PDB file of N, CA and C in Angstrom:
ATOM      1  N   MET A   1     -50.533  -3.832 -36.766  1.00  0.00           N
ATOM      2  CA  MET A   1     -49.042  -3.490 -36.138  1.00  0.00           C
ATOM      3  C   MET A   1     -49.426  -3.784 -35.149  1.00  0.00           C
ATOM      4  N   LYS A   2     -48.030  -4.538 -33.957  1.00  0.00           N
ATOM      5  CA  LYS A   2     -48.556  -4.209 -33.266  1.00  0.00           C
ATOM      6  C   LYS A   2     -47.044  -3.031 -32.492  1.00  0.00           C
ATOM      7  N   ARG A   3     -47.504  -2.306 -31.603  1.00  0.00           N
ATOM      8  CA  ARG A   3     -46.413  -1.744 -30.783  1.00  0.00           C
ATOM      9  C   ARG A   3     -46.042  -2.178 -29.520  1.00  0.00           C
ATOM     10  N   PRO A   4     -44.241  -1.820 -29.435  1.00  0.00           N
ATOM     11  CA  PRO A   4     -43.717  -2.225 -28.275  1.00  0.00           C
ATOM     12  C   PRO A   4     -44.397  -2.076 -27.002  1.00  0.00           C
ATOM     13  N   VAL A   5     -44.322  -3.387 -26.352  1.00  0.00           N
ATOM     14  CA  VAL A   5     -44.759  -2.369 -25.230  1.00  0.00           C
ATOM     15  C   VAL A   5     -43.223  -2.834 -24.118  1.00  0.00           C
ATOM     16  N   PHE A   6     -43.050  -2.003 -22.715  1.00  0.00           N
ATOM     17  CA  PHE A   6     -42.052  -1.531 -22.546  1.00  0.00           C
ATOM     18  C   PHE A   6     -42.419  -1.879 -20.564  1.00  0.00           C
ATOM     19  N   THR A   7     -41.796  -2.780 -20.048  1.00  0.00           N
ATOM     20  CA  THR A   7     -42.249  -3.239 -18.960  1.00  0.00           C
ATOM     21  C   THR A   7     -41.738  -2.259 -17.701  1.00  0.00           C
ATOM     22  N   ALA A   8     -42.036  -2.259 -16.854  1.00  0.00           N
ATOM     23  CA  ALA A   8     -41.887  -0.948 -15.987  1.00  0.00           C
ATOM     24  C   ALA A   8     -40.387  -1.865 -15.238  1.00  0.00           C
ATOM     25  N   ILE A   9     -40.232  -3.305 -14.765  1.00  0.00           N
ATOM     26  CA  ILE A   9     -39.053  -3.914 -14.186  1.00  0.00           C
ATOM     27  C   ILE A   9     -37.962  -3.664 -15.119  1.00  0.00           C
ATOM     28  N   PRO A  10     -37.780  -3.923 -16.286  1.00  0.00           N
ATOM     29  CA  PRO A  10     -36.855  -3.288 -17.111  1.00  0.00           C
ATOM     30  C   PRO A  10     -35.969  -2.204 -16.839  1.00  0.00           C
ATOM     31  N   LEU A  11     -37.611  -1.275 -16.978  1.00  0.00           N
ATOM     32  CA  LEU A  11     -37.035   0.365 -16.945  1.00  0.00           C
ATOM     33  C   LEU A  11     -36.400   0.936 -15.336  1.00  0.00           C
ATOM     34  N   ALA A  12     -36.693  -0.049 -14.384  1.00  0.00           N
ATOM     35  CA  ALA A  12     -36.544   0.561 -13.060  1.00  0.00           C
ATOM     36  C   ALA A  12     -35.399  -0.123 -12.546  1.00  0.00           C
ATOM     37  N   ALA A  13     -35.130  -1.317 -13.125  1.00  0.00           N
ATOM     38  CA  ALA A  13     -33.827  -1.750 -12.921  1.00  0.00           C
ATOM     39  C   ALA A  13     -32.523  -0.816 -13.546  1.00  0.00           C
ATOM     40  N   PHE A  14     -32.535  -0.214 -14.340  1.00  0.00           N
ATOM     41  CA  PHE A  14     -31.783   0.938 -14.938  1.00  0.00           C
ATOM     42  C   PHE A  14     -32.121   2.301 -13.938  1.00  0.00           C
ATOM     43  N   ALA A  15     -32.916   2.525 -14.058  1.00  0.00           N
ATOM     44  CA  ALA A  15     -33.289   3.631 -13.683  1.00  0.00           C
ATOM     45  C   ALA A  15     -33.426   3.791 -12.049  1.00  0.00           C
ATOM     46  N   VAL A  16     -33.346   2.919 -11.367  1.00  0.00           N
ATOM     47  CA  VAL A  16     -32.560   2.964  -9.742  1.00  0.00           C
ATOM     48  C   VAL A  16     -31.345   3.378  -9.451  1.00  0.00           C
ATOM     49  N   PRO A  17     -30.596   2.704 -10.190  1.00  0.00           N
ATOM     50  CA  PRO A  17     -29.053   2.504  -9.764  1.00  0.00           C
ATOM     51  C   PRO A  17     -28.772   3.691 -11.250  1.00  0.00           C
ATOM     52  N   ALA A  18     -29.109   4.236 -11.900  1.00  0.00           N
ATOM     53  CA  ALA A  18     -28.585   5.491 -12.710  1.00  0.00           C
ATOM     54  C   ALA A  18     -28.888   6.445 -12.026  1.00  0.00           C
ATOM     55  N   ALA A  19     -30.466   6.746 -11.223  1.00  0.00           N
ATOM     56  CA  ALA A  19     -30.424   7.936 -10.347  1.00  0.00           C
ATOM     57  C   ALA A  19     -29.439   7.998  -8.846  1.00  0.00           C
ATOM     58  N   ALA A  20     -29.420   6.361  -8.491  1.00  0.00           N
ATOM     59  CA  ALA A  20     -28.183   6.906  -7.284  1.00  0.00           C
ATOM     60  C   ALA A  20     -26.872   6.908  -7.588  1.00  0.00           C
ATOM     61  N   VAL A  21     -26.732   6.745  -8.813  1.00  0.00           N
ATOM     62  CA  VAL A  21     -25.211   7.436  -8.980  1.00  0.00           C
ATOM     63  C   VAL A  21     -25.080   8.801  -9.039  1.00  0.00           C
ATOM     64  N   ILE A  22     -26.202   9.475  -9.724  1.00  0.00           N
ATOM     65  CA  ILE A  22     -26.343  10.390  -9.842  1.00  0.00           C
ATOM     66  C   ILE A  22     -26.942  11.493  -8.465  1.00  0.00           C
ATOM     67  N   LEU A  23     -27.370  10.483  -8.037  1.00  0.00           N
ATOM     68  CA  LEU A  23     -27.724  11.455  -6.665  1.00  0.00           C
ATOM     69  C   LEU A  23     -26.405  11.696  -5.747  1.00  0.00           C
ATOM     70  N   ALA A  24     -25.528  10.224  -5.677  1.00  0.00           N
ATOM     71  CA  ALA A  24     -24.507  10.450  -4.715  1.00  0.00           C
ATOM     72  C   ALA A  24     -22.873  11.120  -5.874  1.00  0.00           C
ATOM     73  N   ALA A  25     -23.076  11.300  -6.762  1.00  0.00           N
ATOM     74  CA  ALA A  25     -21.895  12.168  -7.038  1.00  0.00           C
ATOM     75  C   ALA A  25     -21.758  13.483  -6.449  1.00  0.00           C
ATOM     76  N   PRO A  26     -22.710  14.457  -5.961  1.00  0.00           N
ATOM     77  CA  PRO A  26     -22.139  15.984  -5.382  1.00  0.00           C
ATOM     78  C   PRO A  26     -21.507  14.886  -4.246  1.00  0.00           C
ATOM     79  N   PHE A  27     -21.751  14.313  -3.592  1.00  0.00           N
ATOM     80  CA  PHE A  27     -21.341  14.376  -2.209  1.00  0.00           C
ATOM     81  C   PHE A  27     -20.214  13.307  -2.519  1.00  0.00           C
ATOM     82  N   ALA A  28     -19.435  12.811  -3.029  1.00  0.00           N
ATOM     83  CA  ALA A  28     -18.516  12.434  -3.620  1.00  0.00           C
ATOM     84  C   ALA A  28     -17.491  12.766  -3.714  1.00  0.00           C
ATOM     85  N   HIS A  29     -17.323  14.390  -3.442  1.00  0.00           N
ATOM     86  CA  HIS A  29     -16.343  15.510  -3.993  1.00  0.00           C
ATOM     87  C   HIS A  29     -16.398  16.876  -2.616  1.00  0.00           C
ATOM     88  N   ALA A  30     -16.957  15.877  -1.435  1.00  0.00           N
ATOM     89  CA  ALA A  30     -17.593  17.233  -0.865  1.00  0.00           C
ATOM     90  C   ALA A  30     -16.512  17.982   0.269  1.00  0.00           C
ATOM     91  N   GLN A  31     -16.085  18.655   0.534  1.00  0.00           N
ATOM     92  CA  GLN A  31     -14.485  18.528   1.167  1.00  0.00           C
ATOM     93  C   GLN A  31     -14.920  18.552   3.184  1.00  0.00           C
ATOM     94  N   THR A  32     -13.962  18.209   3.353  1.00  0.00           N
ATOM     95  CA  THR A  32     -14.153  17.399   5.086  1.00  0.00           C
ATOM     96  C   THR A  32     -13.907  18.497   5.798  1.00  0.00           C
ATOM     97  N   ASP A  33     -13.780  18.799   7.214  1.00  0.00           N
ATOM     98  CA  ASP A  33     -13.501  20.062   7.734  1.00  0.00           C
ATOM     99  C   ASP A  33     -12.328  20.523   8.045  1.00  0.00           C
ATOM    100  N   VAL A  34     -11.453  19.097   7.570  1.00  0.00           N
ATOM    101  CA  VAL A  34     -10.143  18.970   7.807  1.00  0.00           C
ATOM    102  C   VAL A  34      -9.397  20.110   6.668  1.00  0.00           C
ATOM    103  N   GLU A  35     -10.438  19.539   5.981  1.00  0.00           N
ATOM    104  CA  GLU A  35     -10.176  20.653   4.297  1.00  0.00           C
ATOM    105  C   GLU A  35     -10.294  21.664   4.260  1.00  0.00           C
ATOM    106  N   ASP A  36     -11.582  22.091   4.858  1.00  0.00           N
ATOM    107  CA  ASP A  36     -11.727  23.497   5.103  1.00  0.00           C
ATOM    108  C   ASP A  36     -11.243  23.966   6.112  1.00  0.00           C
ATOM    109  N   SER A  37     -11.197  23.787   7.216  1.00  0.00           N
ATOM    110  CA  SER A  37      -9.897  24.875   7.744  1.00  0.00           C
ATOM    111  C   SER A  37      -8.388  25.070   7.726  1.00  0.00           C
ATOM    112  N   CYS A  38      -7.884  23.973   6.506  1.00  0.00           N
ATOM    113  CA  CYS A  38      -6.319  23.852   6.538  1.00  0.00           C
ATOM    114  C   CYS A  38      -6.272  24.767   4.920  1.00  0.00           C
ATOM    115  N   LYS A  39      -7.158  24.790   4.251  1.00  0.00           N
ATOM    116  CA  LYS A  39      -7.287  25.791   3.278  1.00  0.00           C
ATOM    117  C   LYS A  39      -7.819  26.860   3.579  1.00  0.00           C
ATOM    118  N   ASN A  40      -8.356  27.702   5.053  1.00  0.00           N
ATOM    119  CA  ASN A  40      -8.557  28.987   5.316  1.00  0.00           C
ATOM    120  C   ASN A  40      -7.312  29.462   6.124  1.00  0.00           C
ATOM    121  N   ALA A  41      -6.121  28.871   6.890  1.00  0.00           N
ATOM    122  CA  ALA A  41      -5.008  28.604   7.183  1.00  0.00           C
ATOM    123  C   ALA A  41      -4.482  29.343   6.515  1.00  0.00           C
ATOM    124  N   GLY A  42      -4.180  29.070   5.364  1.00  0.00           N
ATOM    125  CA  GLY A  42      -3.636  29.316   3.970  1.00  0.00           C
ATOM    126  C   GLY A  42      -2.435  28.159   4.166  1.00  0.00           C
ATOM    127  N   GLY A  43      -2.910  26.481   4.796  1.00  0.00           N
ATOM    128  CA  GLY A  43      -2.081  25.623   4.444  1.00  0.00           C
ATOM    129  C   GLY A  43      -2.311  24.896   2.939  1.00  0.00           C
ATOM    130  N   GLN A  44      -1.309  24.034   3.252  1.00  0.00           N
ATOM    131  CA  GLN A  44      -1.418  22.536   1.784  1.00  0.00           C
ATOM    132  C   GLN A  44      -2.091  21.496   2.366  1.00  0.00           C
ATOM    133  N   TYR A  45      -3.160  21.450   1.750  1.00  0.00           N
ATOM    134  CA  TYR A  45      -3.545  20.014   2.073  1.00  0.00           C
ATOM    135  C   TYR A  45      -3.710  18.689   1.151  1.00  0.00           C
ATOM    136  N   THR A  46      -3.420  17.769   1.622  1.00  0.00           N
ATOM    137  CA  THR A  46      -3.712  16.520   1.020  1.00  0.00           C
ATOM    138  C   THR A  46      -3.902  15.247   1.591  1.00  0.00           C
ATOM    139  N   LYS A  47      -4.126  14.107   0.638  1.00  0.00           N
ATOM    140  CA  LYS A  47      -5.564  13.128   1.263  1.00  0.00           C
ATOM    141  C   LYS A  47      -5.593  11.837   0.761  1.00  0.00           C
ATOM    142  N   SER A  48      -5.494  11.308   1.011  1.00  0.00           N
ATOM    143  CA  SER A  48      -5.611   9.579   0.369  1.00  0.00           C
ATOM    144  C   SER A  48      -6.495   8.654   1.026  1.00  0.00           C
ATOM    145  N   GLU A  49      -7.075   7.918   0.115  1.00  0.00           N
ATOM    146  CA  GLU A  49      -7.547   7.515   1.308  1.00  0.00           C
ATOM    147  C   GLU A  49      -7.661   5.353   1.106  1.00  0.00           C
ATOM    148  N   VAL A  50      -6.722   4.649   2.007  1.00  0.00           N
ATOM    149  CA  VAL A  50      -6.446   2.735   1.973  1.00  0.00           C
ATOM    150  C   VAL A  50      -7.309   2.435   2.859  1.00  0.00           C
ATOM    151  N   SER A  51      -7.228   1.238   2.292  1.00  0.00           N
ATOM    152  CA  SER A  51      -7.728  -0.044   2.556  1.00  0.00           C
ATOM    153  C   SER A  51      -7.486  -0.715   2.916  1.00  0.00           C
ATOM    154  N   ALA A  52      -6.688  -1.576   3.879  1.00  0.00           N
ATOM    155  CA  ALA A  52      -6.074  -2.678   4.425  1.00  0.00           C
ATOM    156  C   ALA A  52      -6.515  -3.905   3.808  1.00  0.00           C
ATOM    157  N   HIS A  53      -7.619  -4.345   3.698  1.00  0.00           N
ATOM    158  CA  HIS A  53      -8.107  -5.206   2.537  1.00  0.00           C
ATOM    159  C   HIS A  53      -8.771  -5.181   1.975  1.00  0.00           C
ATOM    160  N   PHE A  54      -9.075  -6.087   0.793  1.00  0.00           N
ATOM    161  CA  PHE A  54     -10.169  -5.917  -0.162  1.00  0.00           C
ATOM    162  C   PHE A  54     -11.450  -5.951   0.742  1.00  0.00           C
ATOM    163  N   GLY A  55     -12.078  -5.489   0.601  1.00  0.00           N
ATOM    164  CA  GLY A  55     -13.479  -5.001   0.805  1.00  0.00           C
ATOM    165  C   GLY A  55     -13.995  -4.626   2.563  1.00  0.00           C
ATOM    166  N   GLN A  56     -12.833  -4.501   2.766  1.00  0.00           N
ATOM    167  CA  GLN A  56     -12.780  -3.887   3.943  1.00  0.00           C
ATOM    168  C   GLN A  56     -13.188  -2.436   3.401  1.00  0.00           C
ATOM    169  N   ASP A  57     -13.751  -1.012   4.768  1.00  0.00           N
ATOM    170  CA  ASP A  57     -13.990  -0.129   4.322  1.00  0.00           C
ATOM    171  C   ASP A  57     -12.758   0.942   4.756  1.00  0.00           C
ATOM    172  N   ALA A  58     -12.605   1.935   3.791  1.00  0.00           N
ATOM    173  CA  ALA A  58     -11.812   2.443   3.298  1.00  0.00           C
ATOM    174  C   ALA A  58     -11.063   3.657   4.713  1.00  0.00           C
ATOM    175  N   SER A  59      -9.909   3.736   4.848  1.00  0.00           N
ATOM    176  CA  SER A  59      -9.580   5.234   6.242  1.00  0.00           C
ATOM    177  C   SER A  59      -9.553   6.221   4.895  1.00  0.00           C
ATOM    178  N   LEU A  60      -9.676   7.278   5.724  1.00  0.00           N
ATOM    179  CA  LEU A  60      -9.149   8.328   5.381  1.00  0.00           C
ATOM    180  C   LEU A  60      -7.962   9.425   5.653  1.00  0.00           C
ATOM    181  N   PHE A  61      -7.054   9.451   5.239  1.00  0.00           N
ATOM    182  CA  PHE A  61      -5.899  10.312   6.027  1.00  0.00           C
ATOM    183  C   PHE A  61      -5.958  11.475   5.259  1.00  0.00           C
ATOM    184  N   GLU A  62      -5.592  12.276   6.195  1.00  0.00           N
ATOM    185  CA  GLU A  62      -5.202  13.928   5.175  1.00  0.00           C
ATOM    186  C   GLU A  62      -4.519  14.326   6.017  1.00  0.00           C
ATOM    187  N   GLU A  63      -3.632  15.285   4.961  1.00  0.00           N
ATOM    188  CA  GLU A  63      -2.569  15.856   5.963  1.00  0.00           C
ATOM    189  C   GLU A  63      -1.996  17.676   5.653  1.00  0.00           C
ATOM    190  N   CYS A  64      -2.334  18.286   6.632  1.00  0.00           N
ATOM    191  CA  CYS A  64      -2.156  20.247   6.240  1.00  0.00           C
ATOM    192  C   CYS A  64      -0.742  20.348   6.699  1.00  0.00           C
ATOM    193  N   CYS A  65      -0.433  21.291   5.907  1.00  0.00           N
ATOM    194  CA  CYS A  65       1.476  21.836   6.117  1.00  0.00           C
ATOM    195  C   CYS A  65       0.766  23.229   5.869  1.00  0.00           C
ATOM    196  N   THR A  66       1.151  23.966   7.094  1.00  0.00           N
ATOM    197  CA  THR A  66       0.991  25.509   7.344  1.00  0.00           C
ATOM    198  C   THR A  66       2.632  25.745   7.589  1.00  0.00           C
ATOM    199  N   GLY A  67       2.979  27.410   6.892  1.00  0.00           N
ATOM    200  CA  GLY A  67       4.138  27.834   7.377  1.00  0.00           C
ATOM    201  C   GLY A  67       5.564  27.317   5.997  1.00  0.00           C
ATOM    202  N   THR A  68       6.368  27.616   5.870  1.00  0.00           N
ATOM    203  CA  THR A  68       7.607  27.220   5.031  1.00  0.00           C
ATOM    204  C   THR A  68       8.686  26.819   5.907  1.00  0.00           C
ATOM    205  N   GLY A  69      10.179  26.272   5.331  1.00  0.00           N
ATOM    206  CA  GLY A  69      11.539  26.312   5.525  1.00  0.00           C
ATOM    207  C   GLY A  69      11.059  25.944   7.441  1.00  0.00           C
ATOM    208  N   PRO A  70      11.960  26.377   8.711  1.00  0.00           N
ATOM    209  CA  PRO A  70      12.066  25.948   9.388  1.00  0.00           C
ATOM    210  C   PRO A  70      10.464  26.257  10.148  1.00  0.00           C
ATOM    211  N   SER A  71       9.774  26.700  10.327  1.00  0.00           N
ATOM    212  CA  SER A  71       8.554  27.531  10.762  1.00  0.00           C
ATOM    213  C   SER A  71       7.409  26.000  10.080  1.00  0.00           C
ATOM    214  N   ARG A  72       7.603  25.275   8.819  1.00  0.00           N
ATOM    215  CA  ARG A  72       6.941  24.576   8.329  1.00  0.00           C
ATOM    216  C   ARG A  72       6.250  23.473   9.149  1.00  0.00           C
ATOM    217  N   LYS A  73       4.702  22.991   9.711  1.00  0.00           N
ATOM    218  CA  LYS A  73       4.249  22.145  10.190  1.00  0.00           C
ATOM    219  C   LYS A  73       3.039  21.388   9.672  1.00  0.00           C
ATOM    220  N   CYS A  74       3.161  20.125  10.261  1.00  0.00           N
ATOM    221  CA  CYS A  74       2.116  19.281   9.100  1.00  0.00           C
ATOM    222  C   CYS A  74       1.444  18.400  10.313  1.00  0.00           C
ATOM    223  N   VAL A  75       0.449  18.057  10.241  1.00  0.00           N
ATOM    224  CA  VAL A  75      -0.182  17.769  11.125  1.00  0.00           C
ATOM    225  C   VAL A  75      -1.041  16.766  10.401  1.00  0.00           C
ATOM    226  N   ASP A  76      -1.025  15.464  10.638  1.00  0.00           N
ATOM    227  CA  ASP A  76      -1.973  14.185   9.848  1.00  0.00           C
ATOM    228  C   ASP A  76      -3.238  14.150  11.424  1.00  0.00           C
ATOM    229  N   TYR A  77      -4.272  13.394  10.050  1.00  0.00           N
ATOM    230  CA  TYR A  77      -5.606  13.135  10.515  1.00  0.00           C
ATOM    231  C   TYR A  77      -6.080  11.590   9.945  1.00  0.00           C
ATOM    232  N   LYS A  78      -6.784  10.895  11.034  1.00  0.00           N
ATOM    233  CA  LYS A  78      -7.149   9.516  10.169  1.00  0.00           C
ATOM    234  C   LYS A  78      -8.614   9.399  10.409  1.00  0.00           C
ATOM    235  N   ASP A  79      -9.035   9.521   9.513  1.00  0.00           N
ATOM    236  CA  ASP A  79     -11.108   9.416   9.632  1.00  0.00           C
ATOM    237  C   ASP A  79     -11.260  10.732  10.309  1.00  0.00           C
ATOM    238  N   GLY A  80     -10.764  11.960  10.350  1.00  0.00           N
ATOM    239  CA  GLY A  80     -10.870  13.229  11.728  1.00  0.00           C
ATOM    240  C   GLY A  80     -10.510  13.291  12.281  1.00  0.00           C
ATOM    241  N   VAL A  81      -9.529  12.005  12.684  1.00  0.00           N
ATOM    242  CA  VAL A  81      -9.418  12.343  14.627  1.00  0.00           C
ATOM    243  C   VAL A  81      -7.731  12.953  13.695  1.00  0.00           C
ATOM    244  N   GLN A  82      -7.317  13.721  14.622  1.00  0.00           N
ATOM    245  CA  GLN A  82      -5.899  14.495  14.851  1.00  0.00           C
ATOM    246  C   GLN A  82      -4.930  13.215  15.154  1.00  0.00           C
ATOM    247  N   GLY A  83      -3.859  13.545  14.514  1.00  0.00           N
ATOM    248  CA  GLY A  83      -2.723  12.137  15.099  1.00  0.00           C
ATOM    249  C   GLY A  83      -1.673  13.365  14.821  1.00  0.00           C
ATOM    250  N   PRO A  84      -0.135  12.777  15.257  1.00  0.00           N
ATOM    251  CA  PRO A  84       1.193  13.660  15.365  1.00  0.00           C
ATOM    252  C   PRO A  84       1.529  15.210  14.597  1.00  0.00           C
ATOM    253  N   THR A  85       1.810  15.838  15.383  1.00  0.00           N
ATOM    254  CA  THR A  85       2.391  16.735  14.269  1.00  0.00           C
ATOM    255  C   THR A  85       4.007  16.672  14.236  1.00  0.00           C
ATOM    256  N   TYR A  86       3.866  17.744  12.558  1.00  0.00           N
ATOM    257  CA  TYR A  86       5.019  17.260  12.257  1.00  0.00           C
ATOM    258  C   TYR A  86       6.241  18.538  11.996  1.00  0.00           C
ATOM    259  N   GLY A  87       7.509  18.878  12.387  1.00  0.00           N
ATOM    260  CA  GLY A  87       8.602  19.872  11.818  1.00  0.00           C
ATOM    261  C   GLY A  87       8.456  20.980  12.963  1.00  0.00           C
ATOM    262  N   GLY A  88       8.723  21.356  12.361  1.00  0.00           N
ATOM    263  CA  GLY A  88       9.372  23.009  13.687  1.00  0.00           C
ATOM    264  C   GLY A  88       9.504  22.577  14.633  1.00  0.00           C
TER     265      GLY A  88
END
């Protein structure tokens, strides 16, 4: 009776991508400096990733809003660079 023989190539073809996905998963949910500073200031943080064209790298748009009513101010960021401030 012959034993099945598993070659290293098919195993590696599955194991390497699976390991890459598992190792990359924690980084996908990492907080940005903008998010950290916004939450530390008691602000409301939102973000979205937008790609202008298919296959193009996405840009990260972030917004931090602090205060309420007339004193509410929102600051926008694109890829970590501060843009305009709205409100107040």
